[in-house]
C-alpha cells in the first residue's frame, strides 16, 4: 500500500524458493512480495481496473472459405487482477445462450471447458492472456512506432483510446497496414471495449462491449470449474526462475533462464528493437497487455514483463545491478 505521503513505494520482501528437479535441471520458482523504498514518479494517475466484468457482442464476418457469415455470438470476460480470469464464449446474441467453450485461470491452474482439462499454471500465465490489455503498454508501442494512435473515442459512454497495430497469435506488436491490422479501443484503466480484426483488406471479426461492470460481485465458484479440476496435464519443467510483484493492478514479472551462456535467444525476439540504457543493453518488445525487455545478467538470459514501459526498464536495471 502507498504510504501516507502518497508516494508509491516498494519493500523487498522475503523470497519463497521451491526447487524442483526436472530432466536433470533445477527449476526455481520465486514469489517476490511487493518491494518498497523506490519512488515511481511516472506512475500514471489511472491504474488498471482491479476487477471487472465485460460482455462482448462478437461478429464473425467471414468464414475460412471467405464466404460472408455474419454470425453473432457472445463473449463474457470476468477478471480479478492479478491472476484470476474467466472467459466464456456463448452462442447467440448477448447475454448469450449455450456455452460453446471457455477457459479459467485462477492462480493454481488453467482450465478449458466444457471438457475441464487442467494445465500447469505459472505466474506468467495470466499476464500473457490475450484478453488482458494495458493502455500504457499500447501507448508506449505507439511512441516507439510499433502501433498507431488513432485518438480518442467512446463506447457505451465510456472513453477509450484507439490503437492500430499488426498482431496475430503470440507475436509482438508491429505497425499495421491496409491489408492486415487490428483496431482496438482501450479505456484509461486498461479494459478493452472494442477490437476489430482486418485480414486481406477485409474486416473479419469484431468484438464490442455491450455491458461493463467495474465493481462485479463474483460468485465463489466463478474461477473454479463446476466439475472439478479434471485431468491435470503438464508440469513446470523449463529451467527458469520467476520473480513477480503487483501493485494497484500493475505488475512486473522477471524470468531468468538458469542455463548460462546459451547460444541464440531463449525467447522469441521477432520484432524487437535494441535498447541501450548504459548499464542495461538488450531488446524491447511491445504486446497488447505488457512491455517485454530481454537482456542478460551475468551470462544468463533474462526477460522482464511489465504493465508499462518504465516498470520494465526499472526492473531490468535492478536485476542487472543485483547480478553484478
C-alpha atoms as a PDB file:
ATOM      1  CA  UNK A   1       0.000   0.000   0.000  1.00  0.00           C
ATOM      2  CA  UNK A   2       1.256   3.556  -0.643  1.00  0.00           C
ATOM      3  CA  UNK A   3       2.499   5.401   2.462  1.00  0.00           C
ATOM      4  CA  UNK A   4       0.667   8.356   3.956  1.00  0.00           C
ATOM      5  CA  UNK A   5       2.631  10.873   1.871  1.00  0.00           C
ATOM      6  CA  UNK A   6       1.035   9.445  -1.251  1.00  0.00           C
ATOM      7  CA  UNK A   7       4.265   8.244  -2.860  1.00  0.00           C
ATOM      8  CA  UNK A   8       4.034   4.595  -4.039  1.00  0.00           C
ATOM      9  CA  UNK A   9       6.952   2.631  -2.611  1.00  0.00           C
ATOM     10  CA  UNK A  10       8.132  -0.945  -2.765  1.00  0.00           C
ATOM     11  CA  UNK A  11       9.514  -3.055   0.020  1.00  0.00           C
ATOM     12  CA  UNK A  12      11.786  -6.036  -0.636  1.00  0.00           C
ATOM     13  CA  UNK A  13      10.019  -8.964   0.964  1.00  0.00           C
ATOM     14  CA  UNK A  14      11.029 -12.485   1.754  1.00  0.00           C
ATOM     15  CA  UNK A  15      11.530 -14.809  -1.200  1.00  0.00           C
ATOM     16  CA  UNK A  16       9.992 -18.237  -1.181  1.00  0.00           C
ATOM     17  CA  UNK A  17      12.118 -20.636  -3.181  1.00  0.00           C
ATOM     18  CA  UNK A  18      10.850 -24.003  -4.349  1.00  0.00           C
ATOM     19  CA  UNK A  19      13.392 -26.185  -6.103  1.00  0.00           C
ATOM     20  CA  UNK A  20      12.125 -28.864  -8.433  1.00  0.00           C
ATOM     21  CA  UNK A  21      14.380 -31.259 -10.333  1.00  0.00           C
ATOM     22  CA  UNK A  22      13.207 -31.851 -13.885  1.00  0.00           C
ATOM     23  CA  UNK A  23      15.176 -33.571 -16.660  1.00  0.00           C
ATOM     24  CA  UNK A  24      18.381 -33.131 -14.689  1.00  0.00           C
ATOM     25  CA  UNK A  25      17.893 -29.379 -14.410  1.00  0.00           C
ATOM     26  CA  UNK A  26      16.720 -27.255 -11.497  1.00  0.00           C
ATOM     27  CA  UNK A  27      13.609 -25.144 -11.677  1.00  0.00           C
ATOM     28  CA  UNK A  28      13.355 -22.365  -9.122  1.00  0.00           C
ATOM     29  CA  UNK A  29      10.109 -20.521  -8.699  1.00  0.00           C
ATOM     30  CA  UNK A  30      10.311 -17.321  -6.695  1.00  0.00           C
ATOM     31  CA  UNK A  31       7.350 -15.430  -5.351  1.00  0.00           C
ATOM     32  CA  UNK A  32       8.503 -11.907  -4.528  1.00  0.00           C
ATOM     33  CA  UNK A  33       6.465  -9.695  -2.232  1.00  0.00           C
ATOM     34  CA  UNK A  34       5.864  -6.045  -3.058  1.00  0.00           C
ATOM     35  CA  UNK A  35       9.037  -4.022  -2.713  1.00  0.00           C
ATOM     36  CA  UNK A  36       9.168  -0.641  -1.044  1.00  0.00           C
ATOM     37  CA  UNK A  37      11.648   2.206  -0.919  1.00  0.00           C
ATOM     38  CA  UNK A  38      11.856   3.302  -4.551  1.00  0.00           C
ATOM     39  CA  UNK A  39       9.748   6.193  -5.771  1.00  0.00           C
ATOM     40  CA  UNK A  40       7.986   5.834  -9.090  1.00  0.00           C
ATOM     41  CA  UNK A  41       7.465   9.359 -10.434  1.00  0.00           C
ATOM     42  CA  UNK A  42       5.959   8.066 -13.689  1.00  0.00           C
ATOM     43  CA  UNK A  43       3.184   6.062 -12.107  1.00  0.00           C
ATOM     44  CA  UNK A  44       0.036   7.005 -14.030  1.00  0.00           C
ATOM     45  CA  UNK A  45      -2.889   8.774 -12.407  1.00  0.00           C
ATOM     46  CA  UNK A  46      -5.150   5.971 -13.662  1.00  0.00           C
ATOM     47  CA  UNK A  47      -4.122   2.417 -12.839  1.00  0.00           C
ATOM     48  CA  UNK A  48      -5.590  -0.806 -14.298  1.00  0.00           C
ATOM     49  CA  UNK A  49      -9.038  -1.762 -13.053  1.00  0.00           C
ATOM     50  CA  UNK A  50      -8.535  -4.361 -10.290  1.00  0.00           C
ATOM     51  CA  UNK A  51     -11.696  -6.267 -11.201  1.00  0.00           C
ATOM     52  CA  UNK A  52     -14.292  -6.079 -13.950  1.00  0.00           C
ATOM     53  CA  UNK A  53     -16.844  -7.993 -15.987  1.00  0.00           C
ATOM     54  CA  UNK A  54     -17.427  -7.295 -19.691  1.00  0.00           C
ATOM     55  CA  UNK A  55     -19.986  -8.758 -22.088  1.00  0.00           C
ATOM     56  CA  UNK A  56     -18.971  -8.520 -25.750  1.00  0.00           C
ATOM     57  CA  UNK A  57     -21.023  -8.893 -28.902  1.00  0.00           C
ATOM     58  CA  UNK A  58     -18.783 -10.840 -31.293  1.00  0.00           C
ATOM     59  CA  UNK A  59     -19.445 -10.760 -35.033  1.00  0.00           C
ATOM     60  CA  UNK A  60     -17.546 -13.159 -37.308  1.00  0.00           C
ATOM     61  CA  UNK A  61     -17.982 -11.710 -40.768  1.00  0.00           C
ATOM     62  CA  UNK A  62     -16.004 -14.154 -42.906  1.00  0.00           C
ATOM     63  CA  UNK A  63     -15.543 -17.912 -42.713  1.00  0.00           C
ATOM     64  CA  UNK A  64     -12.401 -19.808 -43.599  1.00  0.00           C
ATOM     65  CA  UNK A  65     -13.541 -20.175 -47.218  1.00  0.00           C
ATOM     66  CA  UNK A  66     -14.138 -16.377 -47.373  1.00  0.00           C
ATOM     67  CA  UNK A  67     -17.926 -16.568 -47.560  1.00  0.00           C
ATOM     68  CA  UNK A  68     -19.708 -13.891 -45.550  1.00  0.00           C
ATOM     69  CA  UNK A  69     -21.324 -15.412 -42.475  1.00  0.00           C
ATOM     70  CA  UNK A  70     -22.351 -12.589 -40.179  1.00  0.00           C
ATOM     71  CA  UNK A  71     -22.512 -14.974 -37.228  1.00  0.00           C
ATOM     72  CA  UNK A  72     -23.070 -13.131 -33.946  1.00  0.00           C
ATOM     73  CA  UNK A  73     -22.074 -14.707 -30.643  1.00  0.00           C
ATOM     74  CA  UNK A  74     -21.226 -13.579 -27.105  1.00  0.00           C
ATOM     75  CA  UNK A  75     -18.059 -13.429 -25.029  1.00  0.00           C
ATOM     76  CA  UNK A  76     -18.225 -12.922 -21.266  1.00  0.00           C
ATOM     77  CA  UNK A  77     -14.936 -11.904 -19.644  1.00  0.00           C
ATOM     78  CA  UNK A  78     -14.513 -11.758 -15.852  1.00  0.00           C
ATOM     79  CA  UNK A  79     -11.227 -10.578 -14.364  1.00  0.00           C
ATOM     80  CA  UNK A  80      -9.849 -10.204 -10.873  1.00  0.00           C
ATOM     81  CA  UNK A  81      -6.268  -8.997 -11.097  1.00  0.00           C
ATOM     82  CA  UNK A  82      -3.573 -10.100 -10.793  1.00  0.00           C
ATOM     83  CA  UNK A  83      -4.198 -13.772 -11.602  1.00  0.00           C
ATOM     84  CA  UNK A  84      -7.880 -14.717 -11.886  1.00  0.00           C
ATOM     85  CA  UNK A  85      -9.710 -14.763 -15.210  1.00  0.00           C
ATOM     86  CA  UNK A  86     -12.751 -16.475 -16.682  1.00  0.00           C
ATOM     87  CA  UNK A  87     -13.745 -16.285 -20.353  1.00  0.00           C
ATOM     88  CA  UNK A  88     -16.931 -17.817 -21.760  1.00  0.00           C
ATOM     89  CA  UNK A  89     -17.803 -17.958 -25.454  1.00  0.00           C
ATOM     90  CA  UNK A  90     -21.558 -18.418 -25.828  1.00  0.00           C
ATOM     91  CA  UNK A  91     -23.972 -18.985 -28.679  1.00  0.00           C
ATOM     92  CA  UNK A  92     -26.134 -16.154 -29.988  1.00  0.00           C
ATOM     93  CA  UNK A  93     -26.600 -12.503 -29.121  1.00  0.00           C
ATOM     94  CA  UNK A  94     -25.771 -11.127 -25.644  1.00  0.00           C
ATOM     95  CA  UNK A  95     -26.329 -12.171 -22.942  1.00  0.00           C
ATOM     96  CA  UNK A  96     -25.597 -15.420 -24.768  1.00  0.00           C
ATOM     97  CA  UNK A  97     -27.074 -18.875 -24.780  1.00  0.00           C
ATOM     98  CA  UNK A  98     -25.435 -22.290 -24.855  1.00  0.00           C
ATOM     99  CA  UNK A  99     -21.821 -22.391 -23.698  1.00  0.00           C
ATOM    100  CA  UNK A 100     -19.566 -23.220 -26.648  1.00  0.00           C
ATOM    101  CA  UNK A 101     -16.151 -23.022 -24.989  1.00  0.00           C
ATOM    102  CA  UNK A 102     -14.235 -21.145 -22.334  1.00  0.00           C
ATOM    103  CA  UNK A 103     -11.267 -21.035 -20.015  1.00  0.00           C
ATOM    104  CA  UNK A 104     -10.323 -20.254 -16.420  1.00  0.00           C
ATOM    105  CA  UNK A 105      -7.067 -19.065 -14.874  1.00  0.00           C
ATOM    106  CA  UNK A 106      -7.131 -18.919 -11.099  1.00  0.00           C
ATOM    107  CA  UNK A 107      -3.542 -18.742  -9.810  1.00  0.00           C
ATOM    108  CA  UNK A 108      -3.299 -22.501  -9.295  1.00  0.00           C
ATOM    109  CA  UNK A 109      -4.135 -23.962 -12.684  1.00  0.00           C
ATOM    110  CA  UNK A 110      -5.599 -23.108 -16.053  1.00  0.00           C
ATOM    111  CA  UNK A 111      -8.578 -24.986 -17.388  1.00  0.00           C
ATOM    112  CA  UNK A 112     -10.557 -25.194 -20.584  1.00  0.00           C
ATOM    113  CA  UNK A 113     -14.239 -26.099 -20.513  1.00  0.00           C
ATOM    114  CA  UNK A 114     -16.693 -27.647 -21.018  1.00  0.00           C
ATOM    115  CA  UNK A 115     -14.123 -30.501 -21.277  1.00  0.00           C
ATOM    116  CA  UNK A 116     -12.476 -29.330 -17.980  1.00  0.00           C
ATOM    117  CA  UNK A 117      -8.886 -30.227 -18.801  1.00  0.00           C
ATOM    118  CA  UNK A 118      -6.424 -28.548 -16.434  1.00  0.00           C
ATOM    119  CA  UNK A 119      -2.897 -27.461 -17.235  1.00  0.00           C
ATOM    120  CA  UNK A 120       0.084 -26.237 -15.243  1.00  0.00           C
ATOM    121  CA  UNK A 121      -0.021 -22.641 -14.052  1.00  0.00           C
ATOM    122  CA  UNK A 122       2.957 -20.304 -13.928  1.00  0.00           C
ATOM    123  CA  UNK A 123       2.987 -16.715 -12.636  1.00  0.00           C
ATOM    124  CA  UNK A 124       3.319 -15.619 -16.271  1.00  0.00           C
ATOM    125  CA  UNK A 125       0.198 -17.429 -17.487  1.00  0.00           C
ATOM    126  CA  UNK A 126      -2.401 -14.737 -16.899  1.00  0.00           C
ATOM    127  CA  UNK A 127      -0.027 -11.879 -17.753  1.00  0.00           C
ATOM    128  CA  UNK A 128       0.235 -13.103 -21.340  1.00  0.00           C
ATOM    129  CA  UNK A 129      -3.504 -13.780 -21.693  1.00  0.00           C
ATOM    130  CA  UNK A 130      -4.504 -12.051 -24.974  1.00  0.00           C
ATOM    131  CA  UNK A 131      -7.770 -10.755 -23.491  1.00  0.00           C
ATOM    132  CA  UNK A 132      -5.938  -8.642 -20.916  1.00  0.00           C
ATOM    133  CA  UNK A 133      -4.833  -5.228 -22.168  1.00  0.00           C
ATOM    134  CA  UNK A 134      -2.557  -2.486 -20.875  1.00  0.00           C
ATOM    135  CA  UNK A 135      -3.284   1.024 -22.131  1.00  0.00           C
ATOM    136  CA  UNK A 136       0.187   2.282 -21.065  1.00  0.00           C
ATOM    137  CA  UNK A 137       1.826  -0.587 -22.980  1.00  0.00           C
ATOM    138  CA  UNK A 138      -0.127   0.277 -26.118  1.00  0.00           C
ATOM    139  CA  UNK A 139       0.753   3.951 -25.716  1.00  0.00           C
ATOM    140  CA  UNK A 140       4.443   3.042 -25.402  1.00  0.00           C
ATOM    141  CA  UNK A 141       4.144   0.883 -28.532  1.00  0.00           C
ATOM    142  CA  UNK A 142       2.690   3.843 -30.418  1.00  0.00           C
ATOM    143  CA  UNK A 143       5.505   6.100 -29.192  1.00  0.00           C
ATOM    144  CA  UNK A 144       8.006   3.508 -30.469  1.00  0.00           C
ATOM    145  CA  UNK A 145       6.382   3.222 -33.906  1.00  0.00           C
ATOM    146  CA  UNK A 146       5.120  -0.331 -33.282  1.00  0.00           C
ATOM    147  CA  UNK A 147       1.491   0.809 -33.225  1.00  0.00           C
ATOM    148  CA  UNK A 148      -0.507   3.832 -34.338  1.00  0.00           C
ATOM    149  CA  UNK A 149      -2.530   6.044 -32.024  1.00  0.00           C
ATOM    150  CA  UNK A 150      -5.873   6.917 -33.634  1.00  0.00           C
ATOM    151  CA  UNK A 151      -7.147   9.316 -30.987  1.00  0.00           C
ATOM    152  CA  UNK A 152      -9.988   9.012 -28.542  1.00  0.00           C
ATOM    153  CA  UNK A 153     -13.437   7.529 -28.883  1.00  0.00           C
ATOM    154  CA  UNK A 154     -16.363   6.480 -26.718  1.00  0.00           C
ATOM    155  CA  UNK A 155     -18.249   3.205 -26.414  1.00  0.00           C
ATOM    156  CA  UNK A 156     -21.304   2.876 -24.162  1.00  0.00           C
ATOM    157  CA  UNK A 157     -20.443   6.343 -22.898  1.00  0.00           C
ATOM    158  CA  UNK A 158     -17.038   5.085 -21.732  1.00  0.00           C
ATOM    159  CA  UNK A 159     -13.993   7.000 -23.059  1.00  0.00           C
ATOM    160  CA  UNK A 160     -11.330   4.850 -24.684  1.00  0.00           C
ATOM    161  CA  UNK A 161      -8.130   5.319 -26.651  1.00  0.00           C
ATOM    162  CA  UNK A 162      -7.901   3.857 -30.148  1.00  0.00           C
ATOM    163  CA  UNK A 163      -4.849   1.998 -31.451  1.00  0.00           C
ATOM    164  CA  UNK A 164      -3.973   0.187 -34.666  1.00  0.00           C
ATOM    165  CA  UNK A 165      -1.279  -2.463 -34.996  1.00  0.00           C
ATOM    166  CA  UNK A 166      -0.465  -5.812 -36.505  1.00  0.00           C
ATOM    167  CA  UNK A 167      -0.792  -8.644 -34.029  1.00  0.00           C
ATOM    168  CA  UNK A 168      -1.758 -12.260 -34.572  1.00  0.00           C
ATOM    169  CA  UNK A 169      -1.184 -15.069 -32.093  1.00  0.00           C
ATOM    170  CA  UNK A 170       1.553 -14.521 -29.518  1.00  0.00           C
ATOM    171  CA  UNK A 171       3.790 -12.320 -31.645  1.00  0.00           C
ATOM    172  CA  UNK A 172       4.829  -8.853 -30.554  1.00  0.00           C
ATOM    173  CA  UNK A 173       3.180  -5.752 -31.984  1.00  0.00           C
ATOM    174  CA  UNK A 174       4.249  -4.223 -35.269  1.00  0.00           C
ATOM    175  CA  UNK A 175       2.844  -1.444 -37.405  1.00  0.00           C
ATOM    176  CA  UNK A 176      -0.293  -2.448 -39.294  1.00  0.00           C
ATOM    177  CA  UNK A 177      -1.059  -1.751 -42.927  1.00  0.00           C
ATOM    178  CA  UNK A 178      -4.117  -1.534 -45.125  1.00  0.00           C
ATOM    179  CA  UNK A 179      -4.297  -5.280 -45.564  1.00  0.00           C
ATOM    180  CA  UNK A 180      -3.665  -6.623 -42.072  1.00  0.00           C
ATOM    181  CA  UNK A 181      -4.240  -4.840 -38.796  1.00  0.00           C
ATOM    182  CA  UNK A 182      -6.138  -4.847 -35.532  1.00  0.00           C
ATOM    183  CA  UNK A 183      -8.012  -1.794 -34.273  1.00  0.00           C
ATOM    184  CA  UNK A 184      -8.717  -1.609 -30.551  1.00  0.00           C
ATOM    185  CA  UNK A 185     -10.273   0.878 -28.176  1.00  0.00           C
ATOM    186  CA  UNK A 186      -8.978   0.566 -24.609  1.00  0.00           C
ATOM    187  CA  UNK A 187     -10.081   2.559 -21.565  1.00  0.00           C
ATOM    188  CA  UNK A 188      -7.543   4.515 -19.491  1.00  0.00           C
ATOM    189  CA  UNK A 189      -7.857   1.787 -16.827  1.00  0.00           C
ATOM    190  CA  UNK A 190      -6.929  -0.885 -19.387  1.00  0.00           C
ATOM    191  CA  UNK A 191     -10.228  -2.513 -20.321  1.00  0.00           C
ATOM    192  CA  UNK A 192     -10.659  -3.375 -23.988  1.00  0.00           C
ATOM    193  CA  UNK A 193     -14.046  -2.166 -25.267  1.00  0.00           C
ATOM    194  CA  UNK A 194     -13.693  -2.857 -28.986  1.00  0.00           C
ATOM    195  CA  UNK A 195     -11.447  -4.977 -31.174  1.00  0.00           C
ATOM    196  CA  UNK A 196     -11.736  -5.221 -34.951  1.00  0.00           C
ATOM    197  CA  UNK A 197      -9.504  -7.581 -36.921  1.00  0.00           C
ATOM    198  CA  UNK A 198      -8.851  -6.893 -40.593  1.00  0.00           C
ATOM    199  CA  UNK A 199      -7.197  -9.523 -42.780  1.00  0.00           C
ATOM    200  CA  UNK A 200      -6.521  -9.352 -46.526  1.00  0.00           C
ATOM    201  CA  UNK A 201      -8.229  -5.986 -46.580  1.00  0.00           C
ATOM    202  CA  UNK A 202     -11.465  -7.298 -45.060  1.00  0.00           C
ATOM    203  CA  UNK A 203     -12.850  -6.876 -41.559  1.00  0.00           C
ATOM    204  CA  UNK A 204     -13.264 -10.469 -40.392  1.00  0.00           C
ATOM    205  CA  UNK A 205     -14.087 -10.220 -36.689  1.00  0.00           C
ATOM    206  CA  UNK A 206     -15.410  -7.501 -34.389  1.00  0.00           C
ATOM    207  CA  UNK A 207     -15.795  -7.724 -30.614  1.00  0.00           C
ATOM    208  CA  UNK A 208     -17.561  -4.792 -28.950  1.00  0.00           C
ATOM    209  CA  UNK A 209     -18.553  -4.361 -25.322  1.00  0.00           C
ATOM    210  CA  UNK A 210     -22.284  -4.072 -24.608  1.00  0.00           C
ATOM    211  CA  UNK A 211     -22.060  -4.323 -20.798  1.00  0.00           C
ATOM    212  CA  UNK A 212     -19.324  -3.265 -18.372  1.00  0.00           C
ATOM    213  CA  UNK A 213     -19.202  -3.647 -14.586  1.00  0.00           C
ATOM    214  CA  UNK A 214     -16.146  -2.330 -12.726  1.00  0.00           C
ATOM    215  CA  UNK A 215     -17.443  -3.475  -9.344  1.00  0.00           C
ATOM    216  CA  UNK A 216     -18.647  -7.006 -10.024  1.00  0.00           C
ATOM    217  CA  UNK A 217     -19.700  -9.422  -7.315  1.00  0.00           C
ATOM    218  CA  UNK A 218     -18.124 -12.722  -8.276  1.00  0.00           C
ATOM    219  CA  UNK A 219     -19.684 -15.925  -7.000  1.00  0.00           C
ATOM    220  CA  UNK A 220     -17.413 -18.262  -5.036  1.00  0.00           C
ATOM    221  CA  UNK A 221     -17.199 -20.679  -7.950  1.00  0.00           C
ATOM    222  CA  UNK A 222     -16.579 -18.056 -10.682  1.00  0.00           C
ATOM    223  CA  UNK A 223     -12.928 -19.024 -11.060  1.00  0.00           C
ATOM    224  CA  UNK A 224     -13.446 -22.731 -10.303  1.00  0.00           C
ATOM    225  CA  UNK A 225     -14.699 -25.198 -12.898  1.00  0.00           C
ATOM    226  CA  UNK A 226     -18.029 -26.675 -11.776  1.00  0.00           C
ATOM    227  CA  UNK A 227     -16.985 -30.245 -12.487  1.00  0.00           C
ATOM    228  CA  UNK A 228     -13.735 -30.110 -10.511  1.00  0.00           C
ATOM    229  CA  UNK A 229     -10.180 -29.772 -11.707  1.00  0.00           C
ATOM    230  CA  UNK A 230     -10.350 -32.502 -14.339  1.00  0.00           C
ATOM    231  CA  UNK A 231      -7.261 -34.282 -15.542  1.00  0.00           C
ATOM    232  CA  UNK A 232      -4.085 -32.357 -14.782  1.00  0.00           C
ATOM    233  CA  UNK A 233      -1.623 -32.276 -17.681  1.00  0.00           C
ATOM    234  CA  UNK A 234       1.886 -30.868 -17.676  1.00  0.00           C
ATOM    235  CA  UNK A 235       4.442 -29.793 -15.120  1.00  0.00           C
ATOM    236  CA  UNK A 236       6.729 -26.792 -14.920  1.00  0.00           C
ATOM    237  CA  UNK A 237       9.789 -28.414 -16.466  1.00  0.00           C
ATOM    238  CA  UNK A 238      11.519 -25.445 -18.063  1.00  0.00           C
ATOM    239  CA  UNK A 239      14.736 -24.341 -16.311  1.00  0.00           C
ATOM    240  CA  UNK A 240      13.836 -20.811 -15.331  1.00  0.00           C
ATOM    241  CA  UNK A 241      13.217 -18.660 -12.277  1.00  0.00           C
ATOM    242  CA  UNK A 242      10.448 -16.135 -11.804  1.00  0.00           C
ATOM    243  CA  UNK A 243      10.099 -13.055  -9.641  1.00  0.00           C
ATOM    244  CA  UNK A 244       6.827 -11.206  -9.608  1.00  0.00           C
ATOM    245  CA  UNK A 245       5.066  -8.383  -7.826  1.00  0.00           C
ATOM    246  CA  UNK A 246       1.832  -6.492  -8.314  1.00  0.00           C
ATOM    247  CA  UNK A 247       0.511  -3.177  -7.052  1.00  0.00           C
ATOM    248  CA  UNK A 248      -2.777  -1.477  -7.731  1.00  0.00           C
ATOM    249  CA  UNK A 249      -3.480  -3.624 -10.794  1.00  0.00           C
ATOM    250  CA  UNK A 250       0.035  -3.101 -12.200  1.00  0.00           C
ATOM    251  CA  UNK A 251       2.567  -5.896 -12.432  1.00  0.00           C
ATOM    252  CA  UNK A 252       6.206  -6.734 -13.050  1.00  0.00           C
ATOM    253  CA  UNK A 253       7.498 -10.247 -13.677  1.00  0.00           C
ATOM    254  CA  UNK A 254      11.066 -11.236 -14.469  1.00  0.00           C
ATOM    255  CA  UNK A 255      12.039 -14.619 -15.863  1.00  0.00           C
ATOM    256  CA  UNK A 256      15.633 -15.835 -15.844  1.00  0.00           C
ATOM    257  CA  UNK A 257      16.903 -18.840 -17.772  1.00  0.00           C
ATOM    258  CA  UNK A 258      19.084 -20.789 -15.361  1.00  0.00           C
ATOM    259  CA  UNK A 259      21.373 -22.306 -18.001  1.00  0.00           C
ATOM    260  CA  UNK A 260      24.104 -19.776 -18.704  1.00  0.00           C
ATOM    261  CA  UNK A 261      25.854 -18.882 -21.968  1.00  0.00           C
ATOM    262  CA  UNK A 262      23.159 -20.358 -24.213  1.00  0.00           C
ATOM    263  CA  UNK A 263      23.636 -19.622 -27.915  1.00  0.00           C
ATOM    264  CA  UNK A 264      20.770 -17.792 -29.582  1.00  0.00           C
ATOM    265  CA  UNK A 265      17.603 -16.430 -27.985  1.00  0.00           C
ATOM    266  CA  UNK A 266      15.704 -18.447 -25.398  1.00  0.00           C
ATOM    267  CA  UNK A 267      12.538 -16.421 -26.019  1.00  0.00           C
ATOM    268  CA  UNK A 268      11.106 -15.220 -29.295  1.00  0.00           C
ATOM    269  CA  UNK A 269      12.636 -11.849 -30.148  1.00  0.00           C
ATOM    270  CA  UNK A 270      10.967 -11.317 -33.531  1.00  0.00           C
ATOM    271  CA  UNK A 271      10.044  -7.681 -33.962  1.00  0.00           C
ATOM    272  CA  UNK A 272      12.240  -6.463 -31.111  1.00  0.00           C
ATOM    273  CA  UNK A 273      14.097  -3.153 -31.054  1.00  0.00           C
ATOM    274  CA  UNK A 274      17.533  -2.709 -29.454  1.00  0.00           C
ATOM    275  CA  UNK A 275      17.843  -0.711 -26.246  1.00  0.00           C
ATOM    276  CA  UNK A 276      20.964   0.728 -24.627  1.00  0.00           C
ATOM    277  CA  UNK A 277      20.436   2.418 -21.282  1.00  0.00           C
ATOM    278  CA  UNK A 278      24.059   2.434 -20.274  1.00  0.00           C
ATOM    279  CA  UNK A 279      24.233  -0.451 -17.846  1.00  0.00           C
ATOM    280  CA  UNK A 280      21.268  -2.252 -19.449  1.00  0.00           C
ATOM    281  CA  UNK A 281      21.588  -3.432 -23.043  1.00  0.00           C
ATOM    282  CA  UNK A 282      19.197  -5.713 -24.828  1.00  0.00           C
ATOM    283  CA  UNK A 283      15.966  -5.527 -26.767  1.00  0.00           C
ATOM    284  CA  UNK A 284      12.395  -4.458 -26.180  1.00  0.00           C
ATOM    285  CA  UNK A 285       9.101  -5.826 -27.486  1.00  0.00           C
ATOM    286  CA  UNK A 286       5.581  -4.483 -27.157  1.00  0.00           C
ATOM    287  CA  UNK A 287       2.443  -6.553 -26.596  1.00  0.00           C
ATOM    288  CA  UNK A 288      -1.219  -5.675 -26.073  1.00  0.00           C
ATOM    289  CA  UNK A 289      -1.006  -6.371 -22.342  1.00  0.00           C
ATOM    290  CA  UNK A 290       2.602  -5.701 -21.399  1.00  0.00           C
ATOM    291  CA  UNK A 291       6.045  -4.448 -22.373  1.00  0.00           C
ATOM    292  CA  UNK A 292       8.858  -7.010 -22.585  1.00  0.00           C
ATOM    293  CA  UNK A 293      12.561  -6.303 -22.106  1.00  0.00           C
ATOM    294  CA  UNK A 294      15.058  -9.047 -22.991  1.00  0.00           C
ATOM    295  CA  UNK A 295      18.608  -8.754 -21.664  1.00  0.00           C
ATOM    296  CA  UNK A 296      21.260 -10.833 -19.884  1.00  0.00           C
ATOM    297  CA  UNK A 297      22.581 -10.842 -16.345  1.00  0.00           C
ATOM    298  CA  UNK A 298      25.928 -12.471 -15.617  1.00  0.00           C
ATOM    299  CA  UNK A 299      25.671 -14.698 -18.697  1.00  0.00           C
ATOM    300  CA  UNK A 300      22.051 -15.751 -18.061  1.00  0.00           C
ATOM    301  CA  UNK A 301      19.258 -14.623 -20.373  1.00  0.00           C
ATOM    302  CA  UNK A 302      16.533 -12.620 -18.638  1.00  0.00           C
ATOM    303  CA  UNK A 303      13.265 -11.102 -19.725  1.00  0.00           C
ATOM    304  CA  UNK A 304      11.060  -8.660 -17.853  1.00  0.00           C
ATOM    305  CA  UNK A 305       7.322  -8.319 -18.452  1.00  0.00           C
ATOM    306  CA  UNK A 306       5.550  -5.269 -17.044  1.00  0.00           C
ATOM    307  CA  UNK A 307       2.266  -3.451 -17.462  1.00  0.00           C
ATOM    308  CA  UNK A 308       4.107  -0.293 -18.557  1.00  0.00           C
ATOM    309  CA  UNK A 309       7.447   0.642 -20.021  1.00  0.00           C
ATOM    310  CA  UNK A 310       9.118   2.376 -17.082  1.00  0.00           C
ATOM    311  CA  UNK A 311       8.391  -0.519 -14.737  1.00  0.00           C
ATOM    312  CA  UNK A 312      10.051  -2.930 -17.178  1.00  0.00           C
ATOM    313  CA  UNK A 313      13.143  -0.734 -17.580  1.00  0.00           C
ATOM    314  CA  UNK A 314      13.459  -0.148 -13.831  1.00  0.00           C
ATOM    315  CA  UNK A 315      13.270  -3.860 -13.120  1.00  0.00           C
ATOM    316  CA  UNK A 316      15.801  -4.748 -15.831  1.00  0.00           C
ATOM    317  CA  UNK A 317      18.222  -2.235 -14.342  1.00  0.00           C
ATOM    318  CA  UNK A 318      17.639  -3.562 -10.830  1.00  0.00           C
ATOM    319  CA  UNK A 319      18.299  -7.153 -11.922  1.00  0.00           C
ATOM    320  CA  UNK A 320      21.465  -6.130 -13.723  1.00  0.00           C
ATOM    321  CA  UNK A 321      22.742  -4.188 -10.709  1.00  0.00           C
ATOM    322  CA  UNK A 322      21.924  -7.054  -8.345  1.00  0.00           C
ATOM    323  CA  UNK A 323      23.648  -9.583 -10.605  1.00  0.00           C
ATOM    324  CA  UNK A 324      26.945  -7.721 -10.786  1.00  0.00           C
END
